[in-house]
Amino acid sequence: MDNLIQNFFNLEIYRAALPHLLTGLWTTVWLSAIVIPVGVIAGLFLALGLTQARSRLVAWAIVAYIDFFRSFPPLVLLILVYFGWPFLGIELDKLSAVVLAFGLNNASYYAEVFRAGLEGVPKGQMEAARSTGLTPGQALWSVVVPQAVRNVVPDLVGNSIEVVKLTTIASVVALPELLRAARDVQSIAFNPSPIVLAALLYLLILWPLTRWLGRMEHKRHI
């Protein structure tokens, strides 16, 4: 038991590592604040393009995009974007590479969420909005999209929680997020306690969101 505590719950190492890990946590927070809106906005437009497409070719292209990026490992995607694109003459800094790779990946998941929401809005809502004199675009953005978003808020929150956890792979390009900070301290302390502390910090910031998500899911099924 003592060995378990010394190796994974060492309070002395926790105290020494905490300032460095808090810096990494801040990086995780602002990185999430960038990549989540990028994914949400791109996913919404993909879903609109899919549900409103008049061309089968456009619809197939969007479906192919969604299926591909939902199936492709995000870690490999990030490595290809950051380390592979320079061979094509395209060099991106760490942040740009992470935002691009995460945006491509996350947009596919958010697109499926929004697609379900849009398809769940009765067609009569569009017809009723058009009967008031709204153009198709105005009816879509003023009536259909708001209803679709309300219907899928729990799914959006759940997906966003996964995105926050996904930011851990940004460590492969040496972006100093929380897990990277924990690994740096671990390499100095020769003790895995910083990794456990990082996990506890993730739990601290994500557990309230998870509980909120649980309440929303419960209300939705009542």
C-alpha atoms as a PDB file:
ATOM      1  CA  MET A   1       0.000   0.000   0.000  1.00  0.00           C
ATOM      2  CA  ASP A   2       2.845   2.394   0.851  1.00  0.00           C
ATOM      3  CA  ASN A   3       4.460   1.719  -2.522  1.00  0.00           C
ATOM      4  CA  LEU A   4       1.157   2.475  -4.261  1.00  0.00           C
ATOM      5  CA  ILE A   5       0.851   5.802  -2.455  1.00  0.00           C
ATOM      6  CA  GLN A   6       4.481   6.765  -3.044  1.00  0.00           C
ATOM      7  CA  ASN A   7       4.300   5.990  -6.754  1.00  0.00           C
ATOM      8  CA  PHE A   8       0.860   7.294  -7.669  1.00  0.00           C
ATOM      9  CA  PHE A   9      -0.404   9.564  -4.876  1.00  0.00           C
ATOM     10  CA  ASN A  10       2.779  11.218  -3.650  1.00  0.00           C
ATOM     11  CA  LEU A  11       1.616  14.478  -2.068  1.00  0.00           C
ATOM     12  CA  GLU A  12       5.095  15.969  -2.044  1.00  0.00           C
ATOM     13  CA  ILE A  13       5.400  15.476  -5.793  1.00  0.00           C
ATOM     14  CA  TYR A  14       1.844  16.759  -6.221  1.00  0.00           C
ATOM     15  CA  ARG A  15       2.787  20.032  -4.520  1.00  0.00           C
ATOM     16  CA  ALA A  16       5.924  20.420  -6.613  1.00  0.00           C
ATOM     17  CA  ALA A  17       4.187  19.520  -9.868  1.00  0.00           C
ATOM     18  CA  LEU A  18       0.956  21.498  -9.414  1.00  0.00           C
ATOM     19  CA  PRO A  19       2.183  24.922 -10.672  1.00  0.00           C
ATOM     20  CA  HIS A  20       3.574  23.371 -13.860  1.00  0.00           C
ATOM     21  CA  LEU A  21       0.417  21.314 -14.387  1.00  0.00           C
ATOM     22  CA  LEU A  22      -1.820  24.348 -13.876  1.00  0.00           C
ATOM     23  CA  THR A  23       0.052  26.053 -16.719  1.00  0.00           C
ATOM     24  CA  GLY A  24      -0.649  23.000 -18.862  1.00  0.00           C
ATOM     25  CA  LEU A  25      -4.283  23.014 -17.745  1.00  0.00           C
ATOM     26  CA  TRP A  26      -4.636  26.613 -18.925  1.00  0.00           C
ATOM     27  CA  THR A  27      -3.268  25.567 -22.318  1.00  0.00           C
ATOM     28  CA  THR A  28      -5.828  22.745 -22.444  1.00  0.00           C
ATOM     29  CA  VAL A  29      -8.645  25.179 -21.595  1.00  0.00           C
ATOM     30  CA  TRP A  30      -7.825  27.790 -24.245  1.00  0.00           C
ATOM     31  CA  LEU A  31      -7.030  25.103 -26.812  1.00  0.00           C
ATOM     32  CA  SER A  32     -10.456  23.562 -26.190  1.00  0.00           C
ATOM     33  CA  ALA A  33     -12.005  27.030 -26.430  1.00  0.00           C
ATOM     34  CA  ILE A  34     -10.589  27.258 -29.958  1.00  0.00           C
ATOM     35  CA  VAL A  35     -11.089  23.774 -31.382  1.00  0.00           C
ATOM     36  CA  ILE A  36     -14.618  23.198 -30.050  1.00  0.00           C
ATOM     37  CA  PRO A  37     -16.183  26.263 -31.767  1.00  0.00           C
ATOM     38  CA  VAL A  38     -14.269  25.429 -34.957  1.00  0.00           C
ATOM     39  CA  GLY A  39     -15.687  21.908 -34.922  1.00  0.00           C
ATOM     40  CA  VAL A  40     -19.195  23.072 -34.032  1.00  0.00           C
ATOM     41  CA  ILE A  41     -19.373  25.698 -36.780  1.00  0.00           C
ATOM     42  CA  ALA A  42     -17.862  23.420 -39.427  1.00  0.00           C
ATOM     43  CA  GLY A  43     -20.103  20.553 -38.340  1.00  0.00           C
ATOM     44  CA  LEU A  44     -23.230  22.706 -38.548  1.00  0.00           C
ATOM     45  CA  PHE A  45     -22.441  23.805 -42.092  1.00  0.00           C
ATOM     46  CA  LEU A  46     -21.660  20.226 -43.115  1.00  0.00           C
ATOM     47  CA  ALA A  47     -24.986  19.072 -41.673  1.00  0.00           C
ATOM     48  CA  LEU A  48     -26.836  21.884 -43.437  1.00  0.00           C
ATOM     49  CA  GLY A  49     -25.061  21.045 -46.665  1.00  0.00           C
ATOM     50  CA  LEU A  50     -26.044  17.399 -46.293  1.00  0.00           C
ATOM     51  CA  THR A  51     -29.684  17.920 -45.346  1.00  0.00           C
ATOM     52  CA  GLN A  52     -30.324  20.773 -47.771  1.00  0.00           C
ATOM     53  CA  ALA A  53     -28.237  19.529 -50.716  1.00  0.00           C
ATOM     54  CA  ARG A  54     -30.068  19.365 -54.015  1.00  0.00           C
ATOM     55  CA  SER A  55     -27.197  17.577 -55.692  1.00  0.00           C
ATOM     56  CA  ARG A  56     -26.488  13.940 -54.902  1.00  0.00           C
ATOM     57  CA  LEU A  57     -22.843  14.564 -55.706  1.00  0.00           C
ATOM     58  CA  VAL A  58     -22.612  17.199 -52.966  1.00  0.00           C
ATOM     59  CA  ALA A  59     -24.432  14.945 -50.498  1.00  0.00           C
ATOM     60  CA  TRP A  60     -22.147  12.010 -51.305  1.00  0.00           C
ATOM     61  CA  ALA A  61     -19.058  14.188 -50.932  1.00  0.00           C
ATOM     62  CA  ILE A  62     -20.183  15.343 -47.469  1.00  0.00           C
ATOM     63  CA  VAL A  63     -21.050  11.780 -46.413  1.00  0.00           C
ATOM     64  CA  ALA A  64     -17.628  10.624 -47.626  1.00  0.00           C
ATOM     65  CA  TYR A  65     -15.961  13.388 -45.610  1.00  0.00           C
ATOM     66  CA  ILE A  66     -17.910  12.522 -42.456  1.00  0.00           C
ATOM     67  CA  ASP A  67     -17.303   8.771 -42.777  1.00  0.00           C
ATOM     68  CA  PHE A  68     -13.613   9.222 -43.538  1.00  0.00           C
ATOM     69  CA  PHE A  69     -12.753  11.510 -40.641  1.00  0.00           C
ATOM     70  CA  ARG A  70     -14.909   9.583 -38.170  1.00  0.00           C
ATOM     71  CA  SER A  71     -12.963   6.454 -39.115  1.00  0.00           C
ATOM     72  CA  PHE A  72      -9.454   7.958 -39.400  1.00  0.00           C
ATOM     73  CA  PRO A  73      -7.407   8.010 -36.148  1.00  0.00           C
ATOM     74  CA  PRO A  74      -7.049  11.637 -34.971  1.00  0.00           C
ATOM     75  CA  LEU A  75      -3.536  10.966 -33.670  1.00  0.00           C
ATOM     76  CA  VAL A  76      -2.373   9.829 -37.101  1.00  0.00           C
ATOM     77  CA  LEU A  77      -4.159  12.795 -38.689  1.00  0.00           C
ATOM     78  CA  LEU A  78      -2.302  15.241 -36.434  1.00  0.00           C
ATOM     79  CA  ILE A  79       1.034  13.572 -37.202  1.00  0.00           C
ATOM     80  CA  LEU A  80       0.359  13.755 -40.943  1.00  0.00           C
ATOM     81  CA  VAL A  81      -0.649  17.423 -40.770  1.00  0.00           C
ATOM     82  CA  TYR A  82       2.278  18.558 -38.629  1.00  0.00           C
ATOM     83  CA  PHE A  83       5.081  16.256 -39.769  1.00  0.00           C
ATOM     84  CA  GLY A  84       3.875  15.197 -43.219  1.00  0.00           C
ATOM     85  CA  TRP A  85       2.703  18.420 -44.846  1.00  0.00           C
ATOM     86  CA  PRO A  86       6.184  20.056 -44.784  1.00  0.00           C
ATOM     87  CA  PHE A  87       7.188  17.472 -47.405  1.00  0.00           C
ATOM     88  CA  LEU A  88       4.501  19.048 -49.612  1.00  0.00           C
ATOM     89  CA  GLY A  89       5.855  22.518 -48.934  1.00  0.00           C
ATOM     90  CA  ILE A  90       3.190  23.358 -46.330  1.00  0.00           C
ATOM     91  CA  GLU A  91       4.543  24.126 -42.870  1.00  0.00           C
ATOM     92  CA  LEU A  92       2.235  24.902 -39.979  1.00  0.00           C
ATOM     93  CA  ASP A  93       3.076  25.959 -36.450  1.00  0.00           C
ATOM     94  CA  LYS A  94       2.006  23.663 -33.620  1.00  0.00           C
ATOM     95  CA  LEU A  95      -1.206  25.475 -32.774  1.00  0.00           C
ATOM     96  CA  SER A  96      -2.341  25.755 -36.393  1.00  0.00           C
ATOM     97  CA  ALA A  97      -1.636  22.072 -36.995  1.00  0.00           C
ATOM     98  CA  VAL A  98      -3.601  21.039 -33.912  1.00  0.00           C
ATOM     99  CA  VAL A  99      -6.556  23.307 -34.728  1.00  0.00           C
ATOM    100  CA  LEU A 100      -6.665  22.077 -38.327  1.00  0.00           C
ATOM    101  CA  ALA A 101      -6.381  18.383 -37.457  1.00  0.00           C
ATOM    102  CA  PHE A 102      -8.884  18.617 -34.622  1.00  0.00           C
ATOM    103  CA  GLY A 103     -11.201  20.743 -36.752  1.00  0.00           C
ATOM    104  CA  LEU A 104     -11.249  18.176 -39.552  1.00  0.00           C
ATOM    105  CA  ASN A 105     -11.876  15.362 -37.094  1.00  0.00           C
ATOM    106  CA  ASN A 106     -14.365  17.062 -34.783  1.00  0.00           C
ATOM    107  CA  ALA A 107     -16.419  18.577 -37.601  1.00  0.00           C
ATOM    108  CA  SER A 108     -17.372  15.085 -38.751  1.00  0.00           C
ATOM    109  CA  TYR A 109     -18.756  14.168 -35.316  1.00  0.00           C
ATOM    110  CA  TYR A 110     -20.560  17.448 -34.788  1.00  0.00           C
ATOM    111  CA  ALA A 111     -22.007  17.141 -38.296  1.00  0.00           C
ATOM    112  CA  GLU A 112     -23.679  13.861 -37.370  1.00  0.00           C
ATOM    113  CA  VAL A 113     -25.090  15.431 -34.208  1.00  0.00           C
ATOM    114  CA  PHE A 114     -26.518  18.393 -36.106  1.00  0.00           C
ATOM    115  CA  ARG A 115     -27.802  16.172 -38.912  1.00  0.00           C
ATOM    116  CA  ALA A 116     -29.856  14.187 -36.399  1.00  0.00           C
ATOM    117  CA  GLY A 117     -31.167  17.430 -34.935  1.00  0.00           C
ATOM    118  CA  LEU A 118     -32.125  18.898 -38.314  1.00  0.00           C
ATOM    119  CA  GLU A 119     -33.833  15.718 -39.436  1.00  0.00           C
ATOM    120  CA  GLY A 120     -35.731  15.645 -36.147  1.00  0.00           C
ATOM    121  CA  VAL A 121     -37.442  18.973 -36.840  1.00  0.00           C
ATOM    122  CA  PRO A 122     -40.850  18.335 -38.468  1.00  0.00           C
ATOM    123  CA  LYS A 123     -41.014  19.473 -42.081  1.00  0.00           C
ATOM    124  CA  GLY A 124     -44.138  21.399 -41.210  1.00  0.00           C
ATOM    125  CA  GLN A 125     -41.998  23.873 -39.284  1.00  0.00           C
ATOM    126  CA  MET A 126     -40.313  24.993 -42.502  1.00  0.00           C
ATOM    127  CA  GLU A 127     -43.635  25.221 -44.302  1.00  0.00           C
ATOM    128  CA  ALA A 128     -45.186  27.222 -41.463  1.00  0.00           C
ATOM    129  CA  ALA A 129     -42.215  29.611 -41.435  1.00  0.00           C
ATOM    130  CA  ARG A 130     -42.432  30.062 -45.210  1.00  0.00           C
ATOM    131  CA  SER A 131     -46.138  30.858 -44.917  1.00  0.00           C
ATOM    132  CA  THR A 132     -45.266  33.907 -42.801  1.00  0.00           C
ATOM    133  CA  GLY A 133     -43.278  35.370 -45.674  1.00  0.00           C
ATOM    134  CA  LEU A 134     -39.797  34.241 -44.690  1.00  0.00           C
ATOM    135  CA  THR A 135     -37.376  33.191 -47.417  1.00  0.00           C
ATOM    136  CA  PRO A 136     -36.055  29.598 -47.307  1.00  0.00           C
ATOM    137  CA  GLY A 137     -32.783  30.849 -45.821  1.00  0.00           C
ATOM    138  CA  GLN A 138     -34.505  32.969 -43.190  1.00  0.00           C
ATOM    139  CA  ALA A 139     -36.837  30.113 -42.253  1.00  0.00           C
ATOM    140  CA  LEU A 140     -33.902  27.744 -41.965  1.00  0.00           C
ATOM    141  CA  TRP A 141     -31.789  29.967 -39.707  1.00  0.00           C
ATOM    142  CA  SER A 142     -34.619  31.518 -37.688  1.00  0.00           C
ATOM    143  CA  VAL A 143     -36.880  28.511 -37.176  1.00  0.00           C
ATOM    144  CA  VAL A 144     -35.339  25.164 -38.106  1.00  0.00           C
ATOM    145  CA  VAL A 145     -31.748  25.535 -36.898  1.00  0.00           C
ATOM    146  CA  PRO A 146     -32.645  26.874 -33.408  1.00  0.00           C
ATOM    147  CA  GLN A 147     -35.030  23.946 -32.861  1.00  0.00           C
ATOM    148  CA  ALA A 148     -32.449  21.467 -34.114  1.00  0.00           C
ATOM    149  CA  VAL A 149     -29.780  22.867 -31.795  1.00  0.00           C
ATOM    150  CA  ARG A 150     -32.092  22.693 -28.767  1.00  0.00           C
ATOM    151  CA  ASN A 151     -32.853  19.066 -29.567  1.00  0.00           C
ATOM    152  CA  VAL A 152     -29.197  18.045 -29.563  1.00  0.00           C
ATOM    153  CA  VAL A 153     -27.706  20.153 -26.747  1.00  0.00           C
ATOM    154  CA  PRO A 154     -26.931  17.043 -24.617  1.00  0.00           C
ATOM    155  CA  ASP A 155     -25.165  15.414 -27.565  1.00  0.00           C
ATOM    156  CA  LEU A 156     -23.195  18.599 -28.256  1.00  0.00           C
ATOM    157  CA  VAL A 157     -22.086  18.786 -24.617  1.00  0.00           C
ATOM    158  CA  GLY A 158     -21.137  15.109 -24.584  1.00  0.00           C
ATOM    159  CA  ASN A 159     -19.150  15.479 -27.782  1.00  0.00           C
ATOM    160  CA  SER A 160     -17.400  18.577 -26.432  1.00  0.00           C
ATOM    161  CA  ILE A 161     -16.333  16.668 -23.307  1.00  0.00           C
ATOM    162  CA  GLU A 162     -14.704  14.103 -25.583  1.00  0.00           C
ATOM    163  CA  VAL A 163     -12.955  16.889 -27.486  1.00  0.00           C
ATOM    164  CA  VAL A 164     -11.434  18.239 -24.257  1.00  0.00           C
ATOM    165  CA  LYS A 165     -10.025  14.779 -23.540  1.00  0.00           C
ATOM    166  CA  LEU A 166      -8.870  14.526 -27.154  1.00  0.00           C
ATOM    167  CA  THR A 167      -6.594  17.539 -26.653  1.00  0.00           C
ATOM    168  CA  THR A 168      -4.186  15.205 -24.838  1.00  0.00           C
ATOM    169  CA  ILE A 169      -2.875  14.026 -28.202  1.00  0.00           C
ATOM    170  CA  ALA A 170      -1.592  17.554 -28.881  1.00  0.00           C
ATOM    171  CA  SER A 171       1.375  16.448 -26.757  1.00  0.00           C
ATOM    172  CA  VAL A 172       2.772  14.553 -29.765  1.00  0.00           C
ATOM    173  CA  VAL A 173       3.688  17.885 -31.375  1.00  0.00           C
ATOM    174  CA  ALA A 174       5.068  19.189 -28.053  1.00  0.00           C
ATOM    175  CA  LEU A 175       2.195  21.596 -27.461  1.00  0.00           C
ATOM    176  CA  PRO A 176       2.414  22.140 -23.683  1.00  0.00           C
ATOM    177  CA  GLU A 177      -1.093  21.037 -22.709  1.00  0.00           C
ATOM    178  CA  LEU A 178      -1.889  19.304 -19.423  1.00  0.00           C
ATOM    179  CA  LEU A 179      -0.727  15.789 -20.279  1.00  0.00           C
ATOM    180  CA  ARG A 180       2.485  17.086 -21.839  1.00  0.00           C
ATOM    181  CA  ALA A 181       3.188  19.097 -18.685  1.00  0.00           C
ATOM    182  CA  ALA A 182       2.566  16.011 -16.556  1.00  0.00           C
ATOM    183  CA  ARG A 183       4.941  13.929 -18.664  1.00  0.00           C
ATOM    184  CA  ASP A 184       7.634  16.591 -18.403  1.00  0.00           C
ATOM    185  CA  VAL A 185       7.406  16.574 -14.612  1.00  0.00           C
ATOM    186  CA  GLN A 186       7.274  12.786 -14.550  1.00  0.00           C
ATOM    187  CA  SER A 187      10.537  12.589 -16.506  1.00  0.00           C
ATOM    188  CA  ILE A 188      12.190  14.743 -13.846  1.00  0.00           C
ATOM    189  CA  ALA A 189      10.629  13.132 -10.773  1.00  0.00           C
ATOM    190  CA  PHE A 190      10.916   9.547 -12.089  1.00  0.00           C
ATOM    191  CA  ASN A 191       7.471   8.988 -10.594  1.00  0.00           C
ATOM    192  CA  PRO A 192       4.047   8.612 -12.262  1.00  0.00           C
ATOM    193  CA  SER A 193       2.300  10.758  -9.637  1.00  0.00           C
ATOM    194  CA  PRO A 194       2.155  13.809 -11.993  1.00  0.00           C
ATOM    195  CA  ILE A 195       0.175  11.734 -14.509  1.00  0.00           C
ATOM    196  CA  VAL A 196      -2.331  10.814 -11.796  1.00  0.00           C
ATOM    197  CA  LEU A 197      -2.547  14.466 -10.744  1.00  0.00           C
ATOM    198  CA  ALA A 198      -3.254  15.434 -14.362  1.00  0.00           C
ATOM    199  CA  ALA A 199      -6.057  12.874 -14.451  1.00  0.00           C
ATOM    200  CA  LEU A 200      -7.482  14.344 -11.251  1.00  0.00           C
ATOM    201  CA  LEU A 201      -7.409  17.830 -12.789  1.00  0.00           C
ATOM    202  CA  TYR A 202      -9.278  16.536 -15.858  1.00  0.00           C
ATOM    203  CA  LEU A 203     -11.795  14.957 -13.496  1.00  0.00           C
ATOM    204  CA  LEU A 204     -12.152  18.239 -11.618  1.00  0.00           C
ATOM    205  CA  ILE A 205     -13.051  20.255 -14.710  1.00  0.00           C
ATOM    206  CA  LEU A 206     -15.067  17.600 -16.578  1.00  0.00           C
ATOM    207  CA  TRP A 207     -17.050  15.962 -13.776  1.00  0.00           C
ATOM    208  CA  PRO A 208     -19.450  18.950 -13.348  1.00  0.00           C
ATOM    209  CA  LEU A 209     -20.102  18.925 -17.103  1.00  0.00           C
ATOM    210  CA  THR A 210     -20.688  15.178 -16.999  1.00  0.00           C
ATOM    211  CA  ARG A 211     -23.192  15.558 -14.164  1.00  0.00           C
ATOM    212  CA  TRP A 212     -24.955  18.372 -16.036  1.00  0.00           C
ATOM    213  CA  LEU A 213     -25.062  16.175 -19.134  1.00  0.00           C
ATOM    214  CA  GLY A 214     -26.578  13.368 -17.083  1.00  0.00           C
ATOM    215  CA  ARG A 215     -29.344  15.663 -15.846  1.00  0.00           C
ATOM    216  CA  MET A 216     -30.121  16.854 -19.379  1.00  0.00           C
ATOM    217  CA  GLU A 217     -30.256  13.275 -20.646  1.00  0.00           C
ATOM    218  CA  HIS A 218     -32.584  12.346 -17.794  1.00  0.00           C
ATOM    219  CA  LYS A 219     -34.931  15.248 -18.543  1.00  0.00           C
ATOM    220  CA  ARG A 220     -34.935  14.420 -22.244  1.00  0.00           C
ATOM    221  CA  HIS A 221     -36.145  10.887 -21.574  1.00  0.00           C
ATOM    222  CA  ILE A 222     -38.839  11.821 -19.057  1.00  0.00           C
END
